[in-house]
Amino acid sequence: MIRWALCKLGVEVWLVLAVMSMYTGAKTVVRTVYGNSNGFEVKVSMHQGSALSPLLFVIVMEALSGEFRVVLPWELLYADDSRD
């Protein structure tokens, strides 16, 4: 989804590949008061705590909402705000 969104918004291929390489094969541990867990592979697109995650979330949401605007009238995206 991240790769699609970046390409959809016109991000250059080299930058898309750089972002995706940071997420491919990433591993993490869980810290507790009893110590750290064994390392395990992260299998979700965005990593919790990453400085890049909020920006990537906004990029994905922008690309998705752009797709919805093509199919739906703009007003339906904010239907809950159009009460009398």
PDB file of N, CA and C in Angstrom:
ATOM      1  N   MET A   1       0.829  -1.184   0.000  1.00  0.00           N
ATOM      2  CA  MET A   1       0.000   0.000   0.000  1.00  0.00           C
ATOM      3  C   MET A   1       0.877   1.253   0.000  1.00  0.00           C
ATOM      4  N   ILE A   2       1.957   1.231   0.767  1.00  0.00           N
ATOM      5  CA  ILE A   2       2.832   2.406   0.821  1.00  0.00           C
ATOM      6  C   ILE A   2       3.476   2.652  -0.539  1.00  0.00           C
ATOM      7  N   ARG A   3       3.960   1.596  -1.148  1.00  0.00           N
ATOM      8  CA  ARG A   3       4.601   1.731  -2.464  1.00  0.00           C
ATOM      9  C   ARG A   3       3.602   2.302  -3.470  1.00  0.00           C
ATOM     10  N   TRP A   4       2.384   1.771  -3.479  1.00  0.00           N
ATOM     11  CA  TRP A   4       1.349   2.251  -4.394  1.00  0.00           C
ATOM     12  C   TRP A   4       1.074   3.734  -4.169  1.00  0.00           C
ATOM     13  N   ALA A   5       0.920   4.135  -2.898  1.00  0.00           N
ATOM     14  CA  ALA A   5       0.599   5.524  -2.575  1.00  0.00           C
ATOM     15  C   ALA A   5       1.724   6.462  -3.000  1.00  0.00           C
ATOM     16  N   LEU A   6       2.956   6.081  -2.738  1.00  0.00           N
ATOM     17  CA  LEU A   6       4.083   6.923  -3.128  1.00  0.00           C
ATOM     18  C   LEU A   6       4.137   7.098  -4.643  1.00  0.00           C
ATOM     19  N   CYS A   7       3.950   6.012  -5.373  1.00  0.00           N
ATOM     20  CA  CYS A   7       3.960   6.090  -6.833  1.00  0.00           C
ATOM     21  C   CYS A   7       2.770   6.899  -7.341  1.00  0.00           C
ATOM     22  N   LYS A   8       1.602   6.708  -6.731  1.00  0.00           N
ATOM     23  CA  LYS A   8       0.387   7.417  -7.137  1.00  0.00           C
ATOM     24  C   LYS A   8       0.567   8.927  -7.006  1.00  0.00           C
ATOM     25  N   LEU A   9       1.283   9.370  -5.982  1.00  0.00           N
ATOM     26  CA  LEU A   9       1.481  10.793  -5.753  1.00  0.00           C
ATOM     27  C   LEU A   9       2.703  11.353  -6.476  1.00  0.00           C
ATOM     28  N   GLY A  10       3.346  10.526  -7.298  1.00  0.00           N
ATOM     29  CA  GLY A  10       4.420  11.016  -8.148  1.00  0.00           C
ATOM     30  C   GLY A  10       5.795  11.078  -7.514  1.00  0.00           C
ATOM     31  N   VAL A  11       6.005  10.339  -6.439  1.00  0.00           N
ATOM     32  CA  VAL A  11       7.337  10.304  -5.823  1.00  0.00           C
ATOM     33  C   VAL A  11       8.276   9.555  -6.763  1.00  0.00           C
ATOM     34  N   GLU A  12       9.473  10.058  -6.912  1.00  0.00           N
ATOM     35  CA  GLU A  12      10.442   9.447  -7.823  1.00  0.00           C
ATOM     36  C   GLU A  12      10.776   8.028  -7.396  1.00  0.00           C
ATOM     37  N   VAL A  13      11.032   7.176  -8.392  1.00  0.00           N
ATOM     38  CA  VAL A  13      11.249   5.748  -8.153  1.00  0.00           C
ATOM     39  C   VAL A  13      12.402   5.502  -7.184  1.00  0.00           C
ATOM     40  N   TRP A  14      13.487   6.236  -7.307  1.00  0.00           N
ATOM     41  CA  TRP A  14      14.643   5.992  -6.438  1.00  0.00           C
ATOM     42  C   TRP A  14      14.284   6.235  -4.970  1.00  0.00           C
ATOM     43  N   LEU A  15      13.405   7.222  -4.725  1.00  0.00           N
ATOM     44  CA  LEU A  15      13.009   7.511  -3.349  1.00  0.00           C
ATOM     45  C   LEU A  15      12.040   6.450  -2.824  1.00  0.00           C
ATOM     46  N   VAL A  16      11.143   5.976  -3.688  1.00  0.00           N
ATOM     47  CA  VAL A  16      10.237   4.885  -3.301  1.00  0.00           C
ATOM     48  C   VAL A  16      11.060   3.660  -2.912  1.00  0.00           C
ATOM     49  N   LEU A  17      12.056   3.335  -3.705  1.00  0.00           N
ATOM     50  CA  LEU A  17      12.907   2.176  -3.417  1.00  0.00           C
ATOM     51  C   LEU A  17      13.684   2.374  -2.113  1.00  0.00           C
ATOM     52  N   ALA A  18      14.139   3.596  -1.858  1.00  0.00           N
ATOM     53  CA  ALA A  18      14.864   3.868  -0.612  1.00  0.00           C
ATOM     54  C   ALA A  18      13.957   3.676   0.599  1.00  0.00           C
ATOM     55  N   VAL A  19      12.737   4.184   0.525  1.00  0.00           N
ATOM     56  CA  VAL A  19      11.790   4.035   1.641  1.00  0.00           C
ATOM     57  C   VAL A  19      11.462   2.564   1.837  1.00  0.00           C
ATOM     58  N   MET A  20      11.174   1.859   0.752  1.00  0.00           N
ATOM     59  CA  MET A  20      10.802   0.452   0.871  1.00  0.00           C
ATOM     60  C   MET A  20      11.958  -0.392   1.410  1.00  0.00           C
ATOM     61  N   SER A  21      13.194  -0.026   1.087  1.00  0.00           N
ATOM     62  CA  SER A  21      14.340  -0.798   1.587  1.00  0.00           C
ATOM     63  C   SER A  21      14.486  -0.664   3.102  1.00  0.00           C
ATOM     64  N   MET A  22      14.023   0.459   3.656  1.00  0.00           N
ATOM     65  CA  MET A  22      14.097   0.630   5.107  1.00  0.00           C
ATOM     66  C   MET A  22      13.116  -0.294   5.822  1.00  0.00           C
ATOM     67  N   TYR A  23      12.064  -0.702   5.133  1.00  0.00           N
ATOM     68  CA  TYR A  23      11.034  -1.527   5.745  1.00  0.00           C
ATOM     69  C   TYR A  23      11.168  -3.004   5.418  1.00  0.00           C
ATOM     70  N   THR A  24      11.961  -3.349   4.427  1.00  0.00           N
ATOM     71  CA  THR A  24      12.141  -4.745   4.038  1.00  0.00           C
ATOM     72  C   THR A  24      13.106  -5.439   4.990  1.00  0.00           C
ATOM     73  N   GLY A  25      12.656  -6.530   5.577  1.00  0.00           N
ATOM     74  CA  GLY A  25      13.499  -7.313   6.473  1.00  0.00           C
ATOM     75  C   GLY A  25      13.783  -6.662   7.815  1.00  0.00           C
ATOM     76  N   ALA A  26      13.011  -5.652   8.191  1.00  0.00           N
ATOM     77  CA  ALA A  26      13.231  -4.962   9.472  1.00  0.00           C
ATOM     78  C   ALA A  26      12.893  -5.887  10.638  1.00  0.00           C
ATOM     79  N   LYS A  27      13.673  -5.790  11.679  1.00  0.00           N
ATOM     80  CA  LYS A  27      13.441  -6.580  12.891  1.00  0.00           C
ATOM     81  C   LYS A  27      13.309  -5.646  14.087  1.00  0.00           C
ATOM     82  N   THR A  28      12.638  -6.123  15.110  1.00  0.00           N
ATOM     83  CA  THR A  28      12.462  -5.335  16.328  1.00  0.00           C
ATOM     84  C   THR A  28      12.446  -6.258  17.542  1.00  0.00           C
ATOM     85  N   VAL A  29      12.472  -5.653  18.703  1.00  0.00           N
ATOM     86  CA  VAL A  29      12.337  -6.385  19.964  1.00  0.00           C
ATOM     87  C   VAL A  29      11.292  -5.670  20.811  1.00  0.00           C
ATOM     88  N   VAL A  30      10.768  -6.394  21.781  1.00  0.00           N
ATOM     89  CA  VAL A  30       9.839  -5.797  22.741  1.00  0.00           C
ATOM     90  C   VAL A  30      10.588  -5.597  24.043  1.00  0.00           C
ATOM     91  N   ARG A  31      10.580  -4.373  24.556  1.00  0.00           N
ATOM     92  CA  ARG A  31      11.252  -4.077  25.820  1.00  0.00           C
ATOM     93  C   ARG A  31      10.255  -4.163  26.959  1.00  0.00           C
ATOM     94  N   THR A  32      10.636  -4.849  28.008  1.00  0.00           N
ATOM     95  CA  THR A  32       9.811  -4.925  29.214  1.00  0.00           C
ATOM     96  C   THR A  32      10.701  -4.692  30.428  1.00  0.00           C
ATOM     97  N   VAL A  33      10.102  -4.603  31.581  1.00  0.00           N
ATOM     98  CA  VAL A  33      10.891  -4.438  32.806  1.00  0.00           C
ATOM     99  C   VAL A  33      11.733  -5.676  33.084  1.00  0.00           C
ATOM    100  N   TYR A  34      11.395  -6.804  32.469  1.00  0.00           N
ATOM    101  CA  TYR A  34      12.128  -8.048  32.666  1.00  0.00           C
ATOM    102  C   TYR A  34      13.209  -8.270  31.619  1.00  0.00           C
ATOM    103  N   GLY A  35      13.356  -7.325  30.696  1.00  0.00           N
ATOM    104  CA  GLY A  35      14.362  -7.450  29.642  1.00  0.00           C
ATOM    105  C   GLY A  35      13.727  -7.401  28.264  1.00  0.00           C
ATOM    106  N   ASN A  36      14.550  -7.569  27.264  1.00  0.00           N
ATOM    107  CA  ASN A  36      14.088  -7.520  25.880  1.00  0.00           C
ATOM    108  C   ASN A  36      13.732  -8.906  25.369  1.00  0.00           C
ATOM    109  N   SER A  37      12.760  -8.946  24.469  1.00  0.00           N
ATOM    110  CA  SER A  37      12.403 -10.216  23.831  1.00  0.00           C
ATOM    111  C   SER A  37      13.439 -10.551  22.771  1.00  0.00           C
ATOM    112  N   ASN A  38      13.328 -11.731  22.219  1.00  0.00           N
ATOM    113  CA  ASN A  38      14.152 -12.080  21.065  1.00  0.00           C
ATOM    114  C   ASN A  38      13.695 -11.215  19.889  1.00  0.00           C
ATOM    115  N   GLY A  39      14.604 -10.940  18.978  1.00  0.00           N
ATOM    116  CA  GLY A  39      14.251 -10.150  17.801  1.00  0.00           C
ATOM    117  C   GLY A  39      13.286 -10.905  16.901  1.00  0.00           C
ATOM    118  N   PHE A  40      12.367 -10.182  16.268  1.00  0.00           N
ATOM    119  CA  PHE A  40      11.442 -10.795  15.320  1.00  0.00           C
ATOM    120  C   PHE A  40      11.188  -9.821  14.172  1.00  0.00           C
ATOM    121  N   GLU A  41      10.819 -10.383  13.023  1.00  0.00           N
ATOM    122  CA  GLU A  41      10.607  -9.573  11.826  1.00  0.00           C
ATOM    123  C   GLU A  41       9.294  -8.809  11.922  1.00  0.00           C
ATOM    124  N   VAL A  42       9.328  -7.561  11.514  1.00  0.00           N
ATOM    125  CA  VAL A  42       8.122  -6.719  11.473  1.00  0.00           C
ATOM    126  C   VAL A  42       7.417  -7.024  10.162  1.00  0.00           C
ATOM    127  N   LYS A  43       6.144  -7.420  10.241  1.00  0.00           N
ATOM    128  CA  LYS A  43       5.425  -7.822   9.030  1.00  0.00           C
ATOM    129  C   LYS A  43       4.301  -6.860   8.661  1.00  0.00           C
ATOM    130  N   VAL A  44       4.292  -5.691   9.248  1.00  0.00           N
ATOM    131  CA  VAL A  44       3.318  -4.670   8.869  1.00  0.00           C
ATOM    132  C   VAL A  44       4.057  -3.578   8.109  1.00  0.00           C
ATOM    133  N   SER A  45       3.302  -2.780   7.369  1.00  0.00           N
ATOM    134  CA  SER A  45       3.935  -1.787   6.504  1.00  0.00           C
ATOM    135  C   SER A  45       4.623  -0.666   7.262  1.00  0.00           C
ATOM    136  N   MET A  46       3.943  -0.090   8.248  1.00  0.00           N
ATOM    137  CA  MET A  46       4.512   1.052   8.967  1.00  0.00           C
ATOM    138  C   MET A  46       4.950   0.622  10.360  1.00  0.00           C
ATOM    139  N   HIS A  47       6.127   1.067  10.745  1.00  0.00           N
ATOM    140  CA  HIS A  47       6.674   0.687  12.042  1.00  0.00           C
ATOM    141  C   HIS A  47       6.253   1.685  13.121  1.00  0.00           C
ATOM    142  N   GLN A  48       5.832   1.164  14.234  1.00  0.00           N
ATOM    143  CA  GLN A  48       5.472   2.021  15.357  1.00  0.00           C
ATOM    144  C   GLN A  48       6.723   2.706  15.888  1.00  0.00           C
ATOM    145  N   GLY A  49       6.619   3.998  16.105  1.00  0.00           N
ATOM    146  CA  GLY A  49       7.739   4.739  16.658  1.00  0.00           C
ATOM    147  C   GLY A  49       8.698   5.292  15.616  1.00  0.00           C
ATOM    148  N   SER A  50       8.513   4.930  14.371  1.00  0.00           N
ATOM    149  CA  SER A  50       9.376   5.450  13.315  1.00  0.00           C
ATOM    150  C   SER A  50       9.028   6.909  13.045  1.00  0.00           C
ATOM    151  N   ALA A  51      10.035   7.731  12.860  1.00  0.00           N
ATOM    152  CA  ALA A  51       9.796   9.145  12.561  1.00  0.00           C
ATOM    153  C   ALA A  51       9.130   9.315  11.199  1.00  0.00           C
ATOM    154  N   LEU A  52       9.279   8.349  10.328  1.00  0.00           N
ATOM    155  CA  LEU A  52       8.706   8.415   8.994  1.00  0.00           C
ATOM    156  C   LEU A  52       7.242   7.950   8.950  1.00  0.00           C
ATOM    157  N   SER A  53       6.806   7.184   9.929  1.00  0.00           N
ATOM    158  CA  SER A  53       5.460   6.603   9.912  1.00  0.00           C
ATOM    159  C   SER A  53       4.336   7.630   9.811  1.00  0.00           C
ATOM    160  N   PRO A  54       4.341   8.730  10.563  1.00  0.00           N
ATOM    161  CA  PRO A  54       3.242   9.698  10.405  1.00  0.00           C
ATOM    162  C   PRO A  54       3.166  10.279   8.993  1.00  0.00           C
ATOM    163  N   LEU A  55       4.310  10.567   8.386  1.00  0.00           N
ATOM    164  CA  LEU A  55       4.317  11.093   7.025  1.00  0.00           C
ATOM    165  C   LEU A  55       3.795  10.056   6.039  1.00  0.00           C
ATOM    166  N   LEU A  56       4.224   8.816   6.187  1.00  0.00           N
ATOM    167  CA  LEU A  56       3.756   7.765   5.293  1.00  0.00           C
ATOM    168  C   LEU A  56       2.255   7.531   5.452  1.00  0.00           C
ATOM    169  N   PHE A  57       1.755   7.638   6.677  1.00  0.00           N
ATOM    170  CA  PHE A  57       0.308   7.499   6.912  1.00  0.00           C
ATOM    171  C   PHE A  57      -0.456   8.581   6.151  1.00  0.00           C
ATOM    172  N   VAL A  58       0.006   9.820   6.236  1.00  0.00           N
ATOM    173  CA  VAL A  58      -0.654  10.930   5.542  1.00  0.00           C
ATOM    174  C   VAL A  58      -0.595  10.719   4.027  1.00  0.00           C
ATOM    175  N   ILE A  59       0.526  10.228   3.530  1.00  0.00           N
ATOM    176  CA  ILE A  59       0.669   9.979   2.087  1.00  0.00           C
ATOM    177  C   ILE A  59      -0.317   8.910   1.628  1.00  0.00           C
ATOM    178  N   VAL A  60      -0.431   7.836   2.387  1.00  0.00           N
ATOM    179  CA  VAL A  60      -1.375   6.767   2.029  1.00  0.00           C
ATOM    180  C   VAL A  60      -2.806   7.285   2.071  1.00  0.00           C
ATOM    181  N   MET A  61      -3.150   8.050   3.107  1.00  0.00           N
ATOM    182  CA  MET A  61      -4.511   8.579   3.210  1.00  0.00           C
ATOM    183  C   MET A  61      -4.816   9.560   2.078  1.00  0.00           C
ATOM    184  N   GLU A  62      -3.851  10.366   1.679  1.00  0.00           N
ATOM    185  CA  GLU A  62      -4.043  11.298   0.570  1.00  0.00           C
ATOM    186  C   GLU A  62      -4.287  10.551  -0.733  1.00  0.00           C
ATOM    187  N   ALA A  63      -3.507   9.502  -0.976  1.00  0.00           N
ATOM    188  CA  ALA A  63      -3.679   8.724  -2.202  1.00  0.00           C
ATOM    189  C   ALA A  63      -5.032   8.014  -2.205  1.00  0.00           C
ATOM    190  N   LEU A  64      -5.421   7.453  -1.066  1.00  0.00           N
ATOM    191  CA  LEU A  64      -6.726   6.783  -0.976  1.00  0.00           C
ATOM    192  C   LEU A  64      -7.875   7.758  -1.158  1.00  0.00           C
ATOM    193  N   SER A  65      -7.813   8.893  -0.490  1.00  0.00           N
ATOM    194  CA  SER A  65      -8.903   9.857  -0.622  1.00  0.00           C
ATOM    195  C   SER A  65      -8.974  10.409  -2.039  1.00  0.00           C
ATOM    196  N   GLY A  66      -7.840  10.506  -2.717  1.00  0.00           N
ATOM    197  CA  GLY A  66      -7.841  10.911  -4.118  1.00  0.00           C
ATOM    198  C   GLY A  66      -8.585   9.918  -4.990  1.00  0.00           C
ATOM    199  N   GLU A  67      -8.434   8.624  -4.680  1.00  0.00           N
ATOM    200  CA  GLU A  67      -9.174   7.598  -5.407  1.00  0.00           C
ATOM    201  C   GLU A  67     -10.671   7.709  -5.133  1.00  0.00           C
ATOM    202  N   PHE A  68     -11.037   7.990  -3.888  1.00  0.00           N
ATOM    203  CA  PHE A  68     -12.453   8.111  -3.541  1.00  0.00           C
ATOM    204  C   PHE A  68     -13.083   9.328  -4.209  1.00  0.00           C
ATOM    205  N   ARG A  69     -12.334  10.408  -4.325  1.00  0.00           N
ATOM    206  CA  ARG A  69     -12.871  11.623  -4.933  1.00  0.00           C
ATOM    207  C   ARG A  69     -13.215  11.411  -6.401  1.00  0.00           C
ATOM    208  N   VAL A  70     -12.547  10.471  -7.054  1.00  0.00           N
ATOM    209  CA  VAL A  70     -12.846  10.173  -8.451  1.00  0.00           C
ATOM    210  C   VAL A  70     -14.192   9.472  -8.568  1.00  0.00           C
ATOM    211  N   VAL A  71     -14.491   8.598  -7.620  1.00  0.00           N
ATOM    212  CA  VAL A  71     -15.699   7.778  -7.685  1.00  0.00           C
ATOM    213  C   VAL A  71     -16.882   8.438  -6.989  1.00  0.00           C
ATOM    214  N   LEU A  72     -16.649   9.118  -5.870  1.00  0.00           N
ATOM    215  CA  LEU A  72     -17.721   9.691  -5.067  1.00  0.00           C
ATOM    216  C   LEU A  72     -17.743  11.208  -5.170  1.00  0.00           C
ATOM    217  N   PRO A  73     -18.923  11.795  -5.044  1.00  0.00           N
ATOM    218  CA  PRO A  73     -18.952  13.265  -4.928  1.00  0.00           C
ATOM    219  C   PRO A  73     -18.179  13.705  -3.687  1.00  0.00           C
ATOM    220  N   TRP A  74     -17.503  14.834  -3.771  1.00  0.00           N
ATOM    221  CA  TRP A  74     -16.670  15.356  -2.688  1.00  0.00           C
ATOM    222  C   TRP A  74     -17.437  15.429  -1.372  1.00  0.00           C
ATOM    223  N   GLU A  75     -18.706  15.802  -1.424  1.00  0.00           N
ATOM    224  CA  GLU A  75     -19.494  15.994  -0.207  1.00  0.00           C
ATOM    225  C   GLU A  75     -19.671  14.705   0.590  1.00  0.00           C
ATOM    226  N   LEU A  76     -19.648  13.556  -0.065  1.00  0.00           N
ATOM    227  CA  LEU A  76     -19.846  12.297   0.650  1.00  0.00           C
ATOM    228  C   LEU A  76     -18.672  11.955   1.558  1.00  0.00           C
ATOM    229  N   LEU A  77     -17.505  12.508   1.294  1.00  0.00           N
ATOM    230  CA  LEU A  77     -16.368  12.251   2.177  1.00  0.00           C
ATOM    231  C   LEU A  77     -16.576  12.902   3.542  1.00  0.00           C
ATOM    232  N   TYR A  78     -17.447  13.916   3.610  1.00  0.00           N
ATOM    233  CA  TYR A  78     -17.715  14.629   4.849  1.00  0.00           C
ATOM    234  C   TYR A  78     -19.208  14.610   5.164  1.00  0.00           C
ATOM    235  N   ALA A  79     -19.869  13.501   4.878  1.00  0.00           N
ATOM    236  CA  ALA A  79     -21.316  13.398   5.037  1.00  0.00           C
ATOM    237  C   ALA A  79     -21.748  13.652   6.483  1.00  0.00           C
ATOM    238  N   ASP A  80     -20.924  13.307   7.467  1.00  0.00           N
ATOM    239  CA  ASP A  80     -21.314  13.505   8.859  1.00  0.00           C
ATOM    240  C   ASP A  80     -21.275  14.983   9.251  1.00  0.00           C
ATOM    241  N   ASP A  81     -20.634  15.842   8.461  1.00  0.00           N
ATOM    242  CA  ASP A  81     -20.562  17.282   8.771  1.00  0.00           C
ATOM    243  C   ASP A  81     -21.655  18.093   8.091  1.00  0.00           C
ATOM    244  N   SER A  82     -22.525  17.443   7.301  1.00  0.00           N
ATOM    245  CA  SER A  82     -23.508  18.187   6.526  1.00  0.00           C
ATOM    246  C   SER A  82     -24.910  18.148   7.142  1.00  0.00           C
ATOM    247  N   ARG A  83     -24.982  17.998   8.456  1.00  0.00           N
ATOM    248  CA  ARG A  83     -26.287  18.000   9.134  1.00  0.00           C
ATOM    249  C   ARG A  83     -26.876  19.403   9.169  1.00  0.00           C
ATOM    250  N   ASP A  84     -28.194  19.460   9.241  1.00  0.00           N
ATOM    251  CA  ASP A  84     -28.880  20.765   9.333  1.00  0.00           C
ATOM    252  C   ASP A  84     -28.715  21.373  10.699  1.00  0.00           C
TER     253      ASP A  84
END
